[in-house]
Structure formats: C-alpha cells, structure tokens
C-alpha cells in the first residue's frame, strides 16, 4: 500500500493537504471530504488507530483513496478571511476554490 501526504497550492496561494493511501495498481479512486468538526486525516485515517481507517480499507479493496483537508482544517492553510472575525462577512471560501 502506498501512503503519502500531498501539499497542493491553489490558485490563490492557499496550500491544501491531501492524504493518500493507494493500492499498488488501483482501478478506481475515492475522495473522502470531512464535515465541519474534524479534518480529513482525523476522520478518515486516524493516527494510532489503523483499524478505523477508511483510507486503508479503500486501499485494501484495490482503490486509490484520498482525504482532503478543506481550507482552515487540519494541515491545510487558513485563508486570511477566516481571521477577519466579522460574522457578517461573506464566506471565506467557496467549494469551487
């Protein structure tokens, strides 16, 4: 099984973290996206608890599995707008970003 953490820079210079666990020759891929409470690694590939890893399960089933840390979560950078502190502002980012 291949395991790697990728760092991907977006168009607006925010670095996103993407955790990968893949079979040797994967035939399909799956992307796990976390909710509003835990980052991707914590939710889908927890440190010290491999028996709870959705990424390892998917890789063992022959897939390439990825867990993304959305902006401001886990090992991804926070966009500057998240530090503004004004609740009335527009969202700091959109899904398309």
Protein backbone atom coordinates (compact mmCIF):
# COMPACT_ATOMS: atom_id res chain seq x y z
CA UNK A 1 0.00 0.00 0.00
CA UNK A 2 1.28 3.44 -0.96
CA UNK A 3 0.86 6.20 1.68
CA UNK A 4 1.66 9.87 1.12
CA UNK A 5 0.54 13.34 2.16
CA UNK A 6 0.42 15.79 -0.72
CA UNK A 7 0.61 19.58 -0.41
CA UNK A 8 -1.30 21.30 -3.22
CA UNK A 9 -1.17 25.04 -3.81
CA UNK A 10 -4.40 26.62 -5.02
CA UNK A 11 -4.69 29.48 -7.49
CA UNK A 12 -4.88 32.00 -4.62
CA UNK A 13 -1.75 30.62 -2.86
CA UNK A 14 -3.54 28.68 -0.10
CA UNK A 15 -1.90 25.28 0.47
CA UNK A 16 -4.27 22.31 0.79
CA UNK A 17 -3.32 19.00 2.39
CA UNK A 18 -4.39 15.75 0.72
CA UNK A 19 -3.75 12.39 2.44
CA UNK A 20 -3.40 9.37 0.14
CA UNK A 21 -3.45 5.63 0.67
CA UNK A 22 -3.50 3.61 -2.53
CA UNK A 23 -3.37 0.03 -3.66
CA UNK A 24 -0.36 -0.97 -5.76
CA UNK A 25 -2.35 -0.82 -9.01
CA UNK A 26 -5.68 0.90 -8.19
CA UNK A 27 -8.59 0.51 -10.58
CA UNK A 28 -10.76 3.29 -9.10
CA UNK A 29 -10.39 6.26 -6.79
CA UNK A 30 -12.42 7.64 -3.90
CA UNK A 31 -12.16 11.07 -2.25
CA UNK A 32 -13.29 11.48 1.37
CA UNK A 33 -14.37 15.00 2.38
CA UNK A 34 -14.79 15.86 6.05
CA UNK A 35 -17.54 17.89 7.69
CA UNK A 36 -17.37 20.91 9.97
CA UNK A 37 -15.79 19.30 13.04
CA UNK A 38 -12.77 17.13 12.15
CA UNK A 39 -10.07 17.34 9.48
CA UNK A 40 -9.74 14.68 6.78
CA UNK A 41 -6.86 12.77 8.36
CA UNK A 42 -8.53 12.67 11.79
CA UNK A 43 -11.83 11.50 10.32
CA UNK A 44 -10.66 9.01 7.69
CA UNK A 45 -7.10 7.92 8.58
CA UNK A 46 -6.64 8.46 12.33
CA UNK A 47 -3.11 8.30 13.73
CA UNK A 48 -2.63 5.29 16.02
CA UNK A 49 -5.93 3.65 15.08
CA UNK A 50 -5.43 1.85 11.74
CA UNK A 51 -8.47 -0.33 12.38
CA UNK A 52 -10.64 2.79 11.95
CA UNK A 53 -9.01 4.00 8.72
CA UNK A 54 -11.43 4.37 5.82
CA UNK A 55 -8.44 5.15 3.60
CA UNK A 56 -6.71 1.85 4.45
CA UNK A 57 -9.99 -0.03 3.93
CA UNK A 58 -10.45 1.51 0.48
CA UNK A 59 -6.81 0.87 -0.48
CA UNK A 60 -7.11 -2.77 0.66
CA UNK A 61 -10.15 -3.02 -1.65
CA UNK A 62 -7.96 -2.01 -4.64
CA UNK A 63 -8.70 1.71 -4.75
CA UNK A 64 -6.71 4.91 -4.59
CA UNK A 65 -8.14 6.71 -1.54
CA UNK A 66 -7.74 10.38 -0.67
CA UNK A 67 -8.83 12.53 2.29
CA UNK A 68 -8.76 16.27 1.76
CA UNK A 69 -8.32 18.87 4.49
CA UNK A 70 -10.57 21.74 3.47
CA UNK A 71 -9.13 25.25 3.86
CA UNK A 72 -8.61 26.10 7.51
CA UNK A 73 -8.78 22.49 8.73
CA UNK A 74 -6.05 20.03 9.65
CA UNK A 75 -2.84 20.65 7.76
CA UNK A 76 -4.37 22.99 5.17
CA UNK A 77 -3.73 26.72 5.45
CA UNK A 78 -6.36 29.16 6.64
CA UNK A 79 -7.49 31.77 4.14
CA UNK A 80 -6.94 35.30 5.51
CA UNK A 81 -10.71 35.93 5.51
CA UNK A 82 -11.12 33.32 8.27
CA UNK A 83 -9.21 35.61 10.63
CA UNK A 84 -11.36 38.68 9.97
CA UNK A 85 -13.67 37.99 12.94
CA UNK A 86 -16.71 39.65 11.38
CA UNK A 87 -19.61 37.18 11.27
CA UNK A 88 -21.49 39.31 8.72
CA UNK A 89 -18.85 38.89 6.03
CA UNK A 90 -19.26 36.58 3.07
CA UNK A 91 -17.91 33.03 3.46
CA UNK A 92 -14.09 32.91 3.42
CA UNK A 93 -14.12 30.47 0.51
CA UNK A 94 -16.40 28.56 -1.84
CA UNK A 95 -16.30 24.92 -2.96
CA UNK A 96 -15.04 25.98 -6.40
CA UNK A 97 -11.89 27.36 -4.74
